[in-house]
């Protein structure tokens, strides 16, 4: 499942995100969602979240 819909993402979900500095390479970082930072219901590049590790990026895939 992709991460373009805010309704599909909630705190505690394991996700794969792309950090700002990795947008060119597409390297993904896995982690658990702490906060949802995007207010709009959809975003074409992925909903921006903060992981429990403190990293911020856009959700590319919901892992479960």
N, C-alpha and C. Protein backbone atom coordinates (compact mmCIF):
# COMPACT_ATOMS: atom_id res chain seq x y z
N UNK A 1 0.85 -1.19 0.00
CA UNK A 1 0.00 0.00 0.00
C UNK A 1 0.89 1.25 0.00
N UNK A 2 0.53 2.22 -0.80
CA UNK A 2 1.35 3.43 -0.86
C UNK A 2 0.95 4.42 0.24
N UNK A 3 1.74 5.46 0.39
CA UNK A 3 1.54 6.39 1.49
C UNK A 3 1.01 7.74 1.07
N UNK A 4 0.17 7.78 0.02
CA UNK A 4 -0.33 9.07 -0.46
C UNK A 4 -1.63 9.50 0.21
N UNK A 5 -2.27 8.62 0.96
CA UNK A 5 -3.54 8.94 1.62
C UNK A 5 -3.34 9.02 3.13
N UNK A 6 -3.70 10.17 3.70
CA UNK A 6 -3.50 10.38 5.14
C UNK A 6 -4.34 9.41 5.98
N UNK A 7 -5.52 9.04 5.48
CA UNK A 7 -6.43 8.17 6.25
C UNK A 7 -5.85 6.76 6.45
N UNK A 8 -4.89 6.36 5.61
CA UNK A 8 -4.31 5.02 5.71
C UNK A 8 -3.15 4.97 6.71
N UNK A 9 -2.73 6.13 7.21
CA UNK A 9 -1.55 6.19 8.07
C UNK A 9 -1.96 6.61 9.48
N UNK A 10 -1.42 5.93 10.48
CA UNK A 10 -1.69 6.30 11.87
C UNK A 10 -0.45 5.99 12.71
N UNK A 11 -0.39 6.60 13.87
CA UNK A 11 0.74 6.38 14.77
C UNK A 11 0.84 4.89 15.12
N UNK A 12 2.06 4.39 15.16
CA UNK A 12 2.28 2.99 15.50
C UNK A 12 2.45 2.08 14.30
N UNK A 13 2.14 2.56 13.09
CA UNK A 13 2.31 1.75 11.88
C UNK A 13 3.77 1.70 11.47
N UNK A 14 4.21 0.57 10.96
CA UNK A 14 5.56 0.44 10.41
C UNK A 14 5.50 0.85 8.95
N UNK A 15 6.38 1.78 8.56
CA UNK A 15 6.37 2.33 7.21
C UNK A 15 7.79 2.43 6.65
N UNK A 16 7.87 2.61 5.34
CA UNK A 16 9.13 2.93 4.67
C UNK A 16 9.00 4.36 4.16
N UNK A 17 9.95 5.22 4.56
CA UNK A 17 9.91 6.62 4.14
C UNK A 17 11.14 6.96 3.32
N UNK A 18 11.05 8.07 2.58
CA UNK A 18 12.20 8.64 1.90
C UNK A 18 12.53 9.95 2.60
N UNK A 19 13.75 10.06 3.11
CA UNK A 19 14.20 11.29 3.75
C UNK A 19 14.47 12.34 2.68
N UNK A 20 14.44 13.62 3.07
CA UNK A 20 14.66 14.72 2.13
C UNK A 20 15.97 14.52 1.37
N UNK A 21 17.04 14.16 2.08
CA UNK A 21 18.35 14.01 1.43
C UNK A 21 18.44 12.76 0.55
N UNK A 22 17.48 11.85 0.67
CA UNK A 22 17.48 10.63 -0.14
C UNK A 22 16.50 10.69 -1.31
N UNK A 23 15.86 11.83 -1.54
CA UNK A 23 14.85 11.91 -2.60
C UNK A 23 15.43 11.62 -3.97
N UNK A 24 16.66 12.03 -4.23
CA UNK A 24 17.28 11.78 -5.54
C UNK A 24 17.62 10.30 -5.73
N UNK A 25 18.10 9.65 -4.67
CA UNK A 25 18.52 8.25 -4.78
C UNK A 25 17.35 7.29 -4.56
N UNK A 26 16.33 7.72 -3.81
CA UNK A 26 15.20 6.85 -3.52
C UNK A 26 15.45 5.87 -2.39
N UNK A 27 16.56 6.04 -1.65
CA UNK A 27 16.84 5.17 -0.51
C UNK A 27 15.73 5.29 0.52
N UNK A 28 15.27 4.16 1.01
CA UNK A 28 14.17 4.13 1.97
C UNK A 28 14.68 3.84 3.36
N UNK A 29 14.00 4.40 4.34
CA UNK A 29 14.29 4.18 5.75
C UNK A 29 13.03 3.62 6.39
N UNK A 30 13.17 2.53 7.12
CA UNK A 30 12.01 1.93 7.79
C UNK A 30 11.92 2.39 9.23
N UNK A 31 10.69 2.50 9.71
CA UNK A 31 10.49 2.89 11.10
C UNK A 31 9.01 2.89 11.44
N UNK A 32 8.73 3.32 12.68
CA UNK A 32 7.37 3.34 13.21
C UNK A 32 6.92 4.80 13.31
N UNK A 33 5.71 5.08 12.80
CA UNK A 33 5.18 6.45 12.79
C UNK A 33 4.92 6.94 14.21
N UNK A 34 5.44 8.14 14.50
CA UNK A 34 5.14 8.81 15.77
C UNK A 34 4.09 9.91 15.55
N UNK A 35 4.34 10.78 14.54
CA UNK A 35 3.44 11.89 14.25
C UNK A 35 3.20 11.98 12.75
N UNK A 36 1.99 12.43 12.37
CA UNK A 36 1.68 12.74 10.97
C UNK A 36 1.81 14.25 10.81
N UNK A 37 2.66 14.69 9.88
CA UNK A 37 2.94 16.11 9.73
C UNK A 37 2.16 16.77 8.59
N UNK A 38 1.66 16.00 7.63
CA UNK A 38 0.88 16.55 6.51
C UNK A 38 -0.57 16.71 6.96
N UNK A 39 -1.13 17.91 6.73
CA UNK A 39 -2.51 18.16 7.12
C UNK A 39 -3.52 17.79 6.05
N UNK A 40 -3.12 17.85 4.78
CA UNK A 40 -4.08 17.56 3.71
C UNK A 40 -4.39 16.07 3.65
N UNK A 41 -5.58 15.70 3.14
CA UNK A 41 -5.98 14.29 3.12
C UNK A 41 -5.17 13.43 2.16
N UNK A 42 -4.58 14.04 1.12
CA UNK A 42 -3.77 13.31 0.14
C UNK A 42 -2.55 14.15 -0.23
N UNK A 43 -1.48 13.47 -0.61
CA UNK A 43 -0.30 14.17 -1.14
C UNK A 43 0.34 13.26 -2.18
N UNK A 44 0.59 13.76 -3.40
CA UNK A 44 1.10 12.91 -4.47
C UNK A 44 2.48 12.32 -4.22
N UNK A 45 3.29 12.95 -3.37
CA UNK A 45 4.64 12.45 -3.10
C UNK A 45 4.72 11.65 -1.80
N UNK A 46 3.60 11.51 -1.12
CA UNK A 46 3.57 10.76 0.14
C UNK A 46 3.31 11.68 1.31
N UNK A 47 2.64 11.15 2.31
CA UNK A 47 2.32 11.90 3.53
C UNK A 47 3.60 12.03 4.36
N UNK A 48 3.87 13.24 4.84
CA UNK A 48 5.08 13.48 5.63
C UNK A 48 4.81 13.06 7.08
N UNK A 49 5.73 12.27 7.63
CA UNK A 49 5.60 11.78 9.00
C UNK A 49 6.92 11.92 9.75
N UNK A 50 6.82 11.87 11.08
CA UNK A 50 8.00 11.78 11.95
C UNK A 50 8.00 10.38 12.54
N UNK A 51 9.12 9.69 12.41
CA UNK A 51 9.25 8.36 12.98
C UNK A 51 9.62 8.45 14.46
N UNK A 52 9.48 7.34 15.18
CA UNK A 52 9.86 7.30 16.59
C UNK A 52 11.34 7.61 16.79
N UNK A 53 12.14 7.38 15.75
CA UNK A 53 13.58 7.68 15.81
C UNK A 53 13.86 9.17 15.65
N UNK A 54 12.81 9.95 15.29
CA UNK A 54 12.98 11.39 15.10
C UNK A 54 13.20 11.79 13.66
N UNK A 55 13.40 10.84 12.76
CA UNK A 55 13.60 11.14 11.34
C UNK A 55 12.28 11.56 10.70
N UNK A 56 12.36 12.50 9.75
CA UNK A 56 11.17 13.00 9.07
C UNK A 56 11.30 12.72 7.57
N UNK A 57 10.24 12.21 6.98
CA UNK A 57 10.24 11.93 5.55
C UNK A 57 8.84 11.64 5.06
N UNK A 58 8.75 11.33 3.77
CA UNK A 58 7.46 11.04 3.14
C UNK A 58 7.27 9.53 3.00
N UNK A 59 6.08 9.07 3.36
CA UNK A 59 5.77 7.64 3.33
C UNK A 59 5.71 7.15 1.88
N UNK A 60 6.48 6.12 1.58
CA UNK A 60 6.47 5.49 0.27
C UNK A 60 5.69 4.18 0.29
N UNK A 61 5.70 3.51 1.44
CA UNK A 61 5.04 2.21 1.55
C UNK A 61 4.64 1.97 3.00
N UNK A 62 3.46 1.39 3.19
CA UNK A 62 3.01 0.99 4.52
C UNK A 62 3.33 -0.49 4.68
N UNK A 63 4.13 -0.79 5.68
CA UNK A 63 4.60 -2.17 5.88
C UNK A 63 3.72 -2.95 6.86
N UNK A 64 2.98 -2.26 7.71
CA UNK A 64 2.07 -2.96 8.61
C UNK A 64 2.14 -2.51 10.02
